[in-house]
C-alpha atoms as a PDB file:
ATOM      1  CA  MET A   1      76.916  46.397 174.189  1.00  0.00           C
ATOM      2  CA  ARG A   2      73.465  48.015 174.093  1.00  0.00           C
ATOM      3  CA  HIS A   3      75.058  51.448 174.001  1.00  0.00           C
ATOM      4  CA  GLU A   4      77.193  50.341 171.053  1.00  0.00           C
ATOM      5  CA  LYS A   5      74.143  49.174 169.117  1.00  0.00           C
ATOM      6  CA  SER A   6      72.397  52.494 169.757  1.00  0.00           C
ATOM      7  CA  ALA A   7      75.460  54.349 168.560  1.00  0.00           C
ATOM      8  CA  ARG A   8      75.523  52.346 165.312  1.00  0.00           C
ATOM      9  CA  LEU A   9      71.846  53.066 164.738  1.00  0.00           C
ATOM     10  CA  ILE A  10      72.453  56.776 165.106  1.00  0.00           C
ATOM     11  CA  GLU A  11      75.441  56.551 162.780  1.00  0.00           C
ATOM     12  CA  LEU A  12      73.228  54.863 160.140  1.00  0.00           C
ATOM     13  CA  ALA A  13      70.576  57.516 160.597  1.00  0.00           C
ATOM     14  CA  ARG A  14      73.157  60.243 160.020  1.00  0.00           C
ATOM     15  CA  LEU A  15      74.311  58.547 156.875  1.00  0.00           C
ATOM     16  CA  LEU A  16      70.718  58.279 155.536  1.00  0.00           C
ATOM     17  CA  ALA A  17      70.079  61.946 156.429  1.00  0.00           C
ATOM     18  CA  ALA A  18      73.261  63.040 154.675  1.00  0.00           C
ATOM     19  CA  THR A  19      72.561  61.496 151.307  1.00  0.00           C
ATOM     20  CA  SER A  20      70.341  63.039 148.602  1.00  0.00           C
ATOM     21  CA  TYR A  21      69.915  59.820 146.553  1.00  0.00           C
ATOM     22  CA  GLY A  22      69.551  57.395 149.372  1.00  0.00           C
ATOM     23  CA  LEU A  23      71.635  54.253 150.177  1.00  0.00           C
ATOM     24  CA  THR A  24      71.035  50.612 149.267  1.00  0.00           C
ATOM     25  CA  LEU A  25      71.254  47.923 151.863  1.00  0.00           C
ATOM     26  CA  ASP A  26      74.638  46.816 150.444  1.00  0.00           C
ATOM     27  CA  GLU A  27      75.951  50.421 150.606  1.00  0.00           C
ATOM     28  CA  MET A  28      74.767  50.751 154.241  1.00  0.00           C
ATOM     29  CA  GLY A  29      76.465  47.461 155.134  1.00  0.00           C
ATOM     30  CA  GLU A  30      79.680  48.540 153.448  1.00  0.00           C
ATOM     31  CA  LYS A  31      79.818  51.877 155.265  1.00  0.00           C
ATOM     32  CA  LEU A  32      79.188  50.299 158.688  1.00  0.00           C
ATOM     33  CA  ASP A  33      81.131  47.127 157.923  1.00  0.00           C
ATOM     34  CA  VAL A  34      78.295  44.758 158.940  1.00  0.00           C
ATOM     35  CA  LYS A  35      76.626  41.835 157.191  1.00  0.00           C
ATOM     36  CA  ARG A  36      73.453  42.020 155.117  1.00  0.00           C
ATOM     37  CA  ARG A  37      71.138  40.514 157.809  1.00  0.00           C
ATOM     38  CA  THR A  38      72.461  42.928 160.442  1.00  0.00           C
ATOM     39  CA  ILE A  39      71.883  45.955 158.221  1.00  0.00           C
ATOM     40  CA  GLU A  40      68.343  44.720 157.479  1.00  0.00           C
ATOM     41  CA  ARG A  41      67.564  44.599 161.186  1.00  0.00           C
ATOM     42  CA  MET A  42      69.000  48.098 161.648  1.00  0.00           C
ATOM     43  CA  ARG A  43      66.957  49.392 158.723  1.00  0.00           C
ATOM     44  CA  ASP A  44      63.795  47.915 160.264  1.00  0.00           C
ATOM     45  CA  GLN A  45      64.606  49.520 163.629  1.00  0.00           C
ATOM     46  CA  LEU A  46      65.090  52.895 161.992  1.00  0.00           C
ATOM     47  CA  MET A  47      61.662  52.602 160.378  1.00  0.00           C
ATOM     48  CA  ILE A  48      60.205  52.476 163.888  1.00  0.00           C
ATOM     49  CA  MET A  49      62.333  55.317 165.178  1.00  0.00           C
ATOM     50  CA  TYR A  50      61.870  57.547 162.104  1.00  0.00           C
ATOM     51  CA  PRO A  51      58.440  57.136 160.423  1.00  0.00           C
ATOM     52  CA  ASP A  52      59.568  59.462 157.619  1.00  0.00           C
ATOM     53  CA  LEU A  53      62.304  57.048 156.463  1.00  0.00           C
ATOM     54  CA  GLU A  54      61.727  57.107 152.731  1.00  0.00           C
ATOM     55  CA  GLU A  55      61.986  54.004 150.481  1.00  0.00           C
ATOM     56  CA  ILE A  56      63.013  54.786 146.880  1.00  0.00           C
ATOM     57  CA  SER A  57      62.605  52.286 144.034  1.00  0.00           C
ATOM     58  CA  ASP A  58      65.823  52.014 142.025  1.00  0.00           C
ATOM     59  CA  PRO A  59      65.480  48.775 140.007  1.00  0.00           C
ATOM     60  CA  PRO A  60      66.844  46.196 140.466  1.00  0.00           C
ATOM     61  CA  THR A  61      67.219  47.388 144.107  1.00  0.00           C
ATOM     62  CA  LYS A  62      65.846  49.924 146.565  1.00  0.00           C
ATOM     63  CA  ARG A  63      67.282  52.907 148.378  1.00  0.00           C
ATOM     64  CA  TRP A  64      66.483  54.572 151.717  1.00  0.00           C
ATOM     65  CA  ARG A  65      66.988  58.105 152.995  1.00  0.00           C
ATOM     66  CA  LEU A  66      65.790  60.504 155.717  1.00  0.00           C
ATOM     67  CA  PRO A  67      64.764  63.536 153.628  1.00  0.00           C
ATOM     68  CA  LYS A  68      63.742  65.680 156.602  1.00  0.00           C
ATOM     69  CA  GLY A  69      67.080  65.340 158.342  1.00  0.00           C
ATOM     70  CA  LEU A  70      67.708  64.808 162.060  1.00  0.00           C
ATOM     71  CA  ASP A  71      67.305  66.848 165.195  1.00  0.00           C
ATOM     72  CA  ILE A  72      70.194  68.899 166.625  1.00  0.00           C
ATOM     73  CA  PHE A  73      70.691  66.457 169.504  1.00  0.00           C
ATOM     74  CA  THR A  74      71.405  63.576 167.103  1.00  0.00           C
ATOM     75  CA  LEU A  75      73.733  65.769 165.045  1.00  0.00           C
ATOM     76  CA  ALA A  76      75.779  67.195 167.956  1.00  0.00           C
ATOM     77  CA  PRO A  77      79.480  66.578 167.165  1.00  0.00           C
ATOM     78  CA  THR A  78      81.785  64.706 169.483  1.00  0.00           C
ATOM     79  CA  THR A  79      84.953  66.191 171.020  1.00  0.00           C
ATOM     80  CA  GLU A  80      87.087  63.998 168.750  1.00  0.00           C
ATOM     81  CA  GLU A  81      85.227  65.262 165.629  1.00  0.00           C
ATOM     82  CA  MET A  82      85.669  68.900 166.650  1.00  0.00           C
ATOM     83  CA  ALA A  83      89.350  68.275 167.427  1.00  0.00           C
ATOM     84  CA  ALA A  84      89.807  66.702 163.999  1.00  0.00           C
ATOM     85  CA  LEU A  85      88.167  69.730 162.379  1.00  0.00           C
ATOM     86  CA  THR A  86      90.427  72.132 164.278  1.00  0.00           C
ATOM     87  CA  ILE A  87      93.543  70.069 163.455  1.00  0.00           C
ATOM     88  CA  GLY A  88      92.601  69.940 159.761  1.00  0.00           C
ATOM     89  CA  GLN A  89      92.042  73.719 159.725  1.00  0.00           C
ATOM     90  CA  LYS A  90      95.497  74.321 161.242  1.00  0.00           C
ATOM     91  CA  GLN A  91      97.225  71.897 158.900  1.00  0.00           C
ATOM     92  CA  LEU A  92      95.715  73.726 155.866  1.00  0.00           C
ATOM     93  CA  GLU A  93      96.900  77.168 157.070  1.00  0.00           C
ATOM     94  CA  ARG A  94     100.205  76.818 155.141  1.00  0.00           C
ATOM     95  CA  THR A  95      99.177  74.946 151.993  1.00  0.00           C
ATOM     96  CA  ASN A  96      95.606  76.210 151.427  1.00  0.00           C
ATOM     97  CA  PRO A  97      94.733  79.332 153.551  1.00  0.00           C
ATOM     98  CA  GLN A  98      91.319  79.718 151.860  1.00  0.00           C
ATOM     99  CA  ALA A  99      90.247  76.168 152.758  1.00  0.00           C
ATOM    100  CA  SER A 100      91.577  76.731 156.256  1.00  0.00           C
ATOM    101  CA  ALA A 101      89.439  79.844 156.622  1.00  0.00           C
ATOM    102  CA  ALA A 102      86.395  77.913 155.241  1.00  0.00           C
ATOM    103  CA  LEU A 103      86.900  75.192 157.863  1.00  0.00           C
ATOM    104  CA  ALA A 104      87.133  77.795 160.609  1.00  0.00           C
ATOM    105  CA  SER A 105      83.861  79.326 159.341  1.00  0.00           C
ATOM    106  CA  LEU A 106      82.220  75.860 159.331  1.00  0.00           C
ATOM    107  CA  GLU A 107      83.348  75.315 162.929  1.00  0.00           C
ATOM    108  CA  THR A 108      81.727  78.579 163.970  1.00  0.00           C
ATOM    109  CA  LYS A 109      78.435  77.666 162.277  1.00  0.00           C
ATOM    110  CA  MET A 110      78.423  74.228 163.906  1.00  0.00           C
ATOM    111  CA  LEU A 111      79.009  75.690 167.335  1.00  0.00           C
ATOM    112  CA  SER A 112      76.410  78.446 166.882  1.00  0.00           C
ATOM    113  CA  ALA A 113      73.757  75.751 166.252  1.00  0.00           C
ATOM    114  CA  LEU A 114      74.460  73.859 169.554  1.00  0.00           C
ATOM    115  CA  LYS A 115      72.792  74.364 172.869  1.00  0.00           C
ATOM    116  CA  SER A 116      74.690  76.125 175.604  1.00  0.00           C
ATOM    117  CA  ASN A 117      75.258  73.078 177.775  1.00  0.00           C
ATOM    118  CA  VAL A 118      76.616  71.057 174.788  1.00  0.00           C
ATOM    119  CA  LYS A 119      78.924  73.942 173.859  1.00  0.00           C
ATOM    120  CA  ARG A 120      80.265  74.170 177.381  1.00  0.00           C
ATOM    121  CA  ARG A 121      80.998  70.450 177.494  1.00  0.00           C
ATOM    122  CA  LEU A 122      82.664  70.493 174.113  1.00  0.00           C
ATOM    123  CA  ALA A 123      84.777  73.569 174.955  1.00  0.00           C
ATOM    124  CA  THR A 124      86.115  71.969 178.132  1.00  0.00           C
ATOM    125  CA  ASP A 125      86.902  68.628 176.558  1.00  0.00           C
ATOM    126  CA  LEU A 126      88.271  70.198 173.409  1.00  0.00           C
ATOM    127  CA  GLU A 127      90.655  72.479 175.293  1.00  0.00           C
ATOM    128  CA  ALA A 128      92.041  69.506 177.235  1.00  0.00           C
ATOM    129  CA  LEU A 129      92.438  67.419 174.104  1.00  0.00           C
ATOM    130  CA  MET A 130      94.129  70.178 172.097  1.00  0.00           C
ATOM    131  CA  GLN A 131      96.588  70.809 174.938  1.00  0.00           C
ATOM    132  CA  ALA A 132      97.598  67.152 174.641  1.00  0.00           C
ATOM    133  CA  GLU A 133      98.148  67.285 170.862  1.00  0.00           C
ATOM    134  CA  ALA A 134     100.243  69.526 168.636  1.00  0.00           C
ATOM    135  CA  ILE A 135     101.046  69.835 164.929  1.00  0.00           C
ATOM    136  CA  ALA A 136     104.725  69.781 163.927  1.00  0.00           C
ATOM    137  CA  VAL A 137     105.372  72.688 161.604  1.00  0.00           C
ATOM    138  CA  GLN A 138     107.215  71.531 158.508  1.00  0.00           C
ATOM    139  CA  PRO A 139     109.560  73.944 156.656  1.00  0.00           C
ATOM    140  CA  GLY A 140     108.574  74.799 153.101  1.00  0.00           C
ATOM    141  CA  PRO A 141     106.878  77.383 150.931  1.00  0.00           C
ATOM    142  CA  ARG A 142     103.696  78.922 152.121  1.00  0.00           C
ATOM    143  CA  ALA A 143     100.910  79.123 149.538  1.00  0.00           C
ATOM    144  CA  SER A 144      99.980  82.715 148.606  1.00  0.00           C
ATOM    145  CA  VAL A 145      96.660  82.877 146.795  1.00  0.00           C
ATOM    146  CA  ASP A 146      94.382  85.859 146.162  1.00  0.00           C
ATOM    147  CA  LYS A 147      90.909  84.744 147.336  1.00  0.00           C
ATOM    148  CA  GLU A 148      89.256  86.678 144.409  1.00  0.00           C
ATOM    149  CA  VAL A 149      91.536  84.948 141.887  1.00  0.00           C
ATOM    150  CA  LEU A 150      90.674  81.611 143.394  1.00  0.00           C
ATOM    151  CA  LYS A 151      86.953  82.350 143.334  1.00  0.00           C
ATOM    152  CA  VAL A 152      86.970  83.205 139.603  1.00  0.00           C
ATOM    153  CA  LEU A 153      88.917  80.022 138.802  1.00  0.00           C
ATOM    154  CA  ARG A 154      86.634  77.857 140.858  1.00  0.00           C
ATOM    155  CA  ASP A 155      83.571  79.419 139.253  1.00  0.00           C
ATOM    156  CA  ALA A 156      85.040  78.658 135.803  1.00  0.00           C
ATOM    157  CA  LEU A 157      85.799  75.072 136.815  1.00  0.00           C
ATOM    158  CA  LEU A 158      82.242  74.534 138.085  1.00  0.00           C
ATOM    159  CA  ALA A 159      80.676  76.215 135.009  1.00  0.00           C
ATOM    160  CA  LEU A 160      83.079  74.416 132.570  1.00  0.00           C
ATOM    161  CA  LYS A 161      84.125  77.738 131.039  1.00  0.00           C
ATOM    162  CA  GLN A 162      87.327  79.268 129.805  1.00  0.00           C
ATOM    163  CA  VAL A 163      89.152  82.125 131.563  1.00  0.00           C
ATOM    164  CA  VAL A 164      91.164  85.049 130.382  1.00  0.00           C
ATOM    165  CA  LEU A 165      93.928  86.275 132.734  1.00  0.00           C
ATOM    166  CA  HIS A 166      97.315  87.938 132.958  1.00  0.00           C
ATOM    167  CA  TYR A 167     100.152  85.669 133.861  1.00  0.00           C
ATOM    168  CA  SER A 168     103.673  86.605 134.951  1.00  0.00           C
ATOM    169  CA  GLY A 169     106.167  83.970 134.077  1.00  0.00           C
ATOM    170  CA  GLY A 170     108.903  85.439 136.310  1.00  0.00           C
ATOM    171  CA  THR A 171     110.612  87.554 133.665  1.00  0.00           C
ATOM    172  CA  GLY A 172     109.192  90.351 131.566  1.00  0.00           C
ATOM    173  CA  ALA A 173     105.793  91.890 131.679  1.00  0.00           C
ATOM    174  CA  PRO A 174     102.709  89.778 132.423  1.00  0.00           C
ATOM    175  CA  ARG A 175     101.050  88.281 129.313  1.00  0.00           C
ATOM    176  CA  GLN A 176      97.403  87.787 128.636  1.00  0.00           C
ATOM    177  CA  ARG A 177      96.365  84.164 128.331  1.00  0.00           C
ATOM    178  CA  ILE A 178      93.142  82.365 127.532  1.00  0.00           C
ATOM    179  CA  LEU A 179      93.081  79.091 129.453  1.00  0.00           C
ATOM    180  CA  ILE A 180      90.870  76.041 129.736  1.00  0.00           C
ATOM    181  CA  PRO A 181      91.025  75.018 133.404  1.00  0.00           C
ATOM    182  CA  TYR A 182      91.258  71.367 134.347  1.00  0.00           C
ATOM    183  CA  GLY A 183      91.681  71.731 138.108  1.00  0.00           C
ATOM    184  CA  ILE A 184      93.629  73.177 140.983  1.00  0.00           C
ATOM    185  CA  LEU A 185      96.515  71.502 142.921  1.00  0.00           C
ATOM    186  CA  PHE A 186      97.449  72.647 146.410  1.00  0.00           C
ATOM    187  CA  GLY A 187     100.855  71.786 147.858  1.00  0.00           C
ATOM    188  CA  GLY A 188     103.734  73.995 148.949  1.00  0.00           C
ATOM    189  CA  GLU A 189     102.505  76.276 146.149  1.00  0.00           C
ATOM    190  CA  ALA A 190      99.044  76.357 144.547  1.00  0.00           C
ATOM    191  CA  TYR A 191      98.765  75.650 140.800  1.00  0.00           C
ATOM    192  CA  LEU A 192      96.044  75.930 138.187  1.00  0.00           C
ATOM    193  CA  ILE A 193      96.124  72.913 135.851  1.00  0.00           C
ATOM    194  CA  ALA A 194      95.057  74.204 132.501  1.00  0.00           C
ATOM    195  CA  ARG A 195      95.897  74.332 128.766  1.00  0.00           C
ATOM    196  CA  GLU A 196      95.963  77.343 126.483  1.00  0.00           C
ATOM    197  CA  ALA A 197      92.845  77.570 124.393  1.00  0.00           C
ATOM    198  CA  ASP A 198      94.705  78.148 121.161  1.00  0.00           C
ATOM    199  CA  CYS A 199      96.802  74.948 121.551  1.00  0.00           C
ATOM    200  CA  GLU A 200      94.317  72.719 119.771  1.00  0.00           C
ATOM    201  CA  ASP A 201      96.992  70.212 118.757  1.00  0.00           C
ATOM    202  CA  SER A 202      97.346  69.025 122.359  1.00  0.00           C
ATOM    203  CA  ILE A 203      95.063  68.490 125.355  1.00  0.00           C
ATOM    204  CA  ALA A 204      98.032  68.090 127.726  1.00  0.00           C
ATOM    205  CA  PRO A 205      97.761  70.732 130.440  1.00  0.00           C
ATOM    206  CA  ARG A 206     100.445  72.902 132.016  1.00  0.00           C
ATOM    207  CA  MET A 207     100.887  74.150 135.545  1.00  0.00           C
ATOM    208  CA  TRP A 208     100.244  77.834 136.258  1.00  0.00           C
ATOM    209  CA  ARG A 209     101.165  79.274 139.678  1.00  0.00           C
ATOM    210  CA  LEU A 210      98.179  80.950 141.240  1.00  0.00           C
ATOM    211  CA  ASP A 211     100.265  83.714 142.838  1.00  0.00           C
ATOM    212  CA  ARG A 212     101.365  84.793 139.350  1.00  0.00           C
ATOM    213  CA  ILE A 213      97.781  85.074 138.052  1.00  0.00           C
ATOM    214  CA  ALA A 214      96.071  88.475 137.953  1.00  0.00           C
ATOM    215  CA  GLN A 215      92.778  89.903 136.700  1.00  0.00           C
ATOM    216  CA  PRO A 216      91.130  86.567 135.825  1.00  0.00           C
ATOM    217  CA  LYS A 217      87.724  86.698 134.127  1.00  0.00           C
ATOM    218  CA  MET A 218      85.381  83.865 133.205  1.00  0.00           C
ATOM    219  CA  LEU A 219      84.500  83.804 129.513  1.00  0.00           C
ATOM    220  CA  ASP A 220      81.268  82.582 127.988  1.00  0.00           C
ATOM    221  CA  LEU A 221      83.171  79.959 126.063  1.00  0.00           C
ATOM    222  CA  PRO A 222      83.038  76.171 126.653  1.00  0.00           C
ATOM    223  CA  GLY A 223      85.882  74.707 128.758  1.00  0.00           C
ATOM    224  CA  GLY A 224      86.405  71.929 131.181  1.00  0.00           C
ATOM    225  CA  PRO A 225      88.830  68.998 131.123  1.00  0.00           C
ATOM    226  CA  PRO A 226      88.610  66.339 128.464  1.00  0.00           C
ATOM    227  CA  ASP A 227      86.657  63.147 129.141  1.00  0.00           C
ATOM    228  CA  GLY A 228      88.611  60.778 131.322  1.00  0.00           C
ATOM    229  CA  PHE A 229      90.854  63.410 132.838  1.00  0.00           C
ATOM    230  CA  ASP A 230      91.496  62.549 136.547  1.00  0.00           C
ATOM    231  CA  LEU A 231      93.107  65.298 138.593  1.00  0.00           C
ATOM    232  CA  GLN A 232      94.116  62.914 141.359  1.00  0.00           C
ATOM    233  CA  ALA A 233      95.763  60.555 138.907  1.00  0.00           C
ATOM    234  CA  TYR A 234      97.518  63.505 137.217  1.00  0.00           C
ATOM    235  CA  SER A 235      98.947  64.695 140.526  1.00  0.00           C
ATOM    236  CA  GLN A 236     100.188  61.157 141.359  1.00  0.00           C
ATOM    237  CA  ARG A 237     102.285  60.987 138.163  1.00  0.00           C
ATOM    238  CA  SER A 238     104.898  63.094 139.965  1.00  0.00           C
ATOM    239  CA  PHE A 239     107.060  62.622 143.093  1.00  0.00           C
ATOM    240  CA  GLY A 240     106.284  66.240 143.883  1.00  0.00           C
ATOM    241  CA  ILE A 241     104.518  69.015 142.012  1.00  0.00           C
ATOM    242  CA  TYR A 242     106.439  69.334 138.747  1.00  0.00           C
ATOM    243  CA  GLN A 243     105.285  67.033 135.933  1.00  0.00           C
ATOM    244  CA  GLU A 244     107.974  65.213 133.905  1.00  0.00           C
ATOM    245  CA  ASP A 245     108.163  61.979 131.950  1.00  0.00           C
ATOM    246  CA  THR A 246     107.557  59.073 134.317  1.00  0.00           C
ATOM    247  CA  VAL A 247     110.168  56.456 135.065  1.00  0.00           C
ATOM    248  CA  ASP A 248     110.470  53.294 137.204  1.00  0.00           C
ATOM    249  CA  VAL A 249     112.407  53.801 140.459  1.00  0.00           C
ATOM    250  CA  VAL A 250     113.789  51.090 142.702  1.00  0.00           C
ATOM    251  CA  LEU A 251     115.075  51.872 146.217  1.00  0.00           C
ATOM    252  CA  ARG A 252     116.615  49.310 148.622  1.00  0.00           C
ATOM    253  CA  VAL A 253     116.042  49.923 152.316  1.00  0.00           C
ATOM    254  CA  LEU A 254     118.731  48.446 154.538  1.00  0.00           C
ATOM    255  CA  PRO A 255     117.507  45.820 157.051  1.00  0.00           C
ATOM    256  CA  ASP A 256     117.885  47.992 160.221  1.00  0.00           C
ATOM    257  CA  PHE A 257     115.490  50.647 158.750  1.00  0.00           C
ATOM    258  CA  VAL A 258     112.811  48.556 157.190  1.00  0.00           C
ATOM    259  CA  GLU A 259     110.242  49.172 159.911  1.00  0.00           C
ATOM    260  CA  GLU A 260     110.713  52.931 159.627  1.00  0.00           C
ATOM    261  CA  ALA A 261     110.434  52.821 155.801  1.00  0.00           C
ATOM    262  CA  SER A 262     107.278  50.633 155.968  1.00  0.00           C
ATOM    263  CA  ARG A 263     105.487  53.523 157.660  1.00  0.00           C
ATOM    264  CA  TRP A 264     106.744  56.105 155.117  1.00  0.00           C
ATOM    265  CA  MET A 265     104.923  57.241 151.997  1.00  0.00           C
ATOM    266  CA  PHE A 266     107.536  57.641 149.227  1.00  0.00           C
ATOM    267  CA  HIS A 267     104.777  57.791 146.540  1.00  0.00           C
ATOM    268  CA  ALA A 268     101.036  57.066 146.405  1.00  0.00           C
ATOM    269  CA  GLY A 269     101.580  54.123 144.041  1.00  0.00           C
ATOM    270  CA  GLN A 270     104.525  52.563 145.841  1.00  0.00           C
ATOM    271  CA  ILE A 271     105.024  48.776 145.998  1.00  0.00           C
ATOM    272  CA  LEU A 272     106.978  47.247 148.939  1.00  0.00           C
ATOM    273  CA  GLU A 273     108.781  43.953 148.525  1.00  0.00           C
ATOM    274  CA  ALA A 274     110.433  42.182 151.483  1.00  0.00           C
ATOM    275  CA  GLN A 275     113.732  40.531 150.636  1.00  0.00           C
ATOM    276  CA  SER A 276     115.292  37.319 152.035  1.00  0.00           C
ATOM    277  CA  ASP A 277     118.258  39.273 153.463  1.00  0.00           C
ATOM    278  CA  GLY A 278     115.927  41.411 155.587  1.00  0.00           C
ATOM    279  CA  SER A 279     116.050  44.451 153.334  1.00  0.00           C
ATOM    280  CA  LEU A 280     113.102  46.026 151.564  1.00  0.00           C
ATOM    281  CA  LEU A 281     112.668  47.032 147.948  1.00  0.00           C
ATOM    282  CA  VAL A 282     110.512  50.068 147.271  1.00  0.00           C
ATOM    283  CA  ARG A 283     109.244  50.308 143.696  1.00  0.00           C
ATOM    284  CA  LEU A 284     107.856  53.680 142.444  1.00  0.00           C
ATOM    285  CA  HIS A 285     106.681  55.006 139.169  1.00  0.00           C
ATOM    286  CA  GLY A 286     106.523  58.759 138.556  1.00  0.00           C
ATOM    287  CA  GLY A 287     108.252  61.884 137.320  1.00  0.00           C
ATOM    288  CA  GLY A 288     110.208  64.684 138.957  1.00  0.00           C
ATOM    289  CA  LEU A 289     113.514  63.069 139.835  1.00  0.00           C
ATOM    290  CA  ASN A 290     115.025  66.274 141.266  1.00  0.00           C
ATOM    291  CA  GLU A 291     112.187  66.572 143.791  1.00  0.00           C
ATOM    292  CA  LEU A 292     112.521  62.882 144.686  1.00  0.00           C
ATOM    293  CA  ALA A 293     116.253  63.311 145.156  1.00  0.00           C
ATOM    294  CA  TRP A 294     115.795  66.167 147.569  1.00  0.00           C
ATOM    295  CA  SER A 295     113.169  64.238 149.537  1.00  0.00           C
ATOM    296  CA  LEU A 296     115.566  61.297 149.924  1.00  0.00           C
ATOM    297  CA  PHE A 297     118.128  63.383 151.838  1.00  0.00           C
ATOM    298  CA  ARG A 298     116.585  62.330 155.144  1.00  0.00           C
ATOM    299  CA  TRP A 299     117.287  58.685 154.237  1.00  0.00           C
ATOM    300  CA  GLY A 300     121.021  59.009 153.901  1.00  0.00           C
ATOM    301  CA  GLY A 301     122.758  55.867 155.154  1.00  0.00           C
ATOM    302  CA  LYS A 302     119.445  54.065 155.240  1.00  0.00           C
ATOM    303  CA  ILE A 303     118.669  53.311 151.617  1.00  0.00           C
ATOM    304  CA  GLU A 304     120.417  52.659 148.311  1.00  0.00           C
ATOM    305  CA  ILE A 305     119.254  53.883 144.906  1.00  0.00           C
ATOM    306  CA  LEU A 306     119.203  50.954 142.538  1.00  0.00           C
ATOM    307  CA  GLU A 307     117.296  52.435 139.550  1.00  0.00           C
ATOM    308  CA  PRO A 308     117.261  54.533 137.430  1.00  0.00           C
ATOM    309  CA  PRO A 309     120.767  55.978 136.748  1.00  0.00           C
ATOM    310  CA  ALA A 310     119.080  59.334 136.167  1.00  0.00           C
ATOM    311  CA  LEU A 311     117.987  59.414 139.803  1.00  0.00           C
ATOM    312  CA  LYS A 312     121.530  58.685 140.901  1.00  0.00           C
ATOM    313  CA  ARG A 313     122.743  61.665 138.820  1.00  0.00           C
ATOM    314  CA  ALA A 314     120.010  63.843 140.250  1.00  0.00           C
ATOM    315  CA  MET A 315     121.082  62.889 143.761  1.00  0.00           C
ATOM    316  CA  ALA A 316     124.781  63.556 142.974  1.00  0.00           C
ATOM    317  CA  ASN A 317     123.820  66.962 141.581  1.00  0.00           C
ATOM    318  CA  ALA A 318     121.671  67.716 144.696  1.00  0.00           C
ATOM    319  CA  LEU A 319     124.676  66.789 146.879  1.00  0.00           C
ATOM    320  CA  ASP A 320     126.942  69.111 144.932  1.00  0.00           C
ATOM    321  CA  LEU A 321     124.449  71.986 145.327  1.00  0.00           C
ATOM    322  CA  ALA A 322     124.057  71.248 149.041  1.00  0.00           C
ATOM    323  CA  GLN A 323     127.811  71.282 149.450  1.00  0.00           C
ATOM    324  CA  THR A 324     127.928  74.918 148.280  1.00  0.00           C
ATOM    325  CA  MET A 325     126.189  75.904 151.460  1.00  0.00           C
ATOM    326  CA  LEU A 326     129.326  74.809 153.377  1.00  0.00           C
ATOM    327  CA  ALA A 327     131.764  76.626 151.166  1.00  0.00           C
ATOM    328  CA  PRO A 328     133.656  79.430 152.946  1.00  0.00           C
ATOM    329  CA  LYS A 329     132.728  82.929 151.917  1.00  0.00           C
ATOM    330  CA  PRO A 330     135.366  84.807 149.918  1.00  0.00           C
END
């Protein structure tokens, strides 16, 4: 029990060292999932352990932080944390190679800051843990992104500037475009979410594949997304990557497969409704019915499509296309 209390104190110290603006007592309690009186006692104990704990007035409340940071012993990562970092890096190799490389670089920097005895212990435990875990490789497209292209686009997003670039739409010669970037989406492919600067009649963005972008250059012209634009919310409008008009979808999971479906993410905004006959209704709202139809193939014999009729047609069309793979060659 005493060890657990010490671990929680160290966890709170790390949180206070990691923040620039400090944390209120309520924020500390929320992050550690403890009551107000408990977090007050922990704060008081940290004042004894760390005399440089800074109190910041932020009416009507106060904030606390550790501006000088913590010693390397306190910050040494655990085996589980290093394993999670390695797993995350490997999972990103297909969808976001640049982020994967950045995580690998971060891992190297973290290890280089540790003492030899800590590194040896971590290496032994990490090797054993990684041998006991594996990542299932899923089939699908592999993102191909030029790191220099990505750097220019990220710089423009941070600076809220426009970019000029050459874009190949798949047919014909690449065309020069001036775009106002809103954000970047990574999935099977990587896409720049942006609108053309000369389309002043609409702020609705389009999706531009990063592997078709060449020679991007940041312009000294104001850009950035409009007020209220939320990239996460934009991405969740679709059942996949492609953005279409959104519709309401209702799926019925047969009783024998309810447990399996309850652990499955059909869509970020899904609603699950248990039925009296033991079945399960899954309600979704989004666009991209063709992508949803293809993703439902694995559920053949387990679910029924109730709504909308357009999804039924999309599934029928997907079945027809799949059937061509079985057709005998002439």
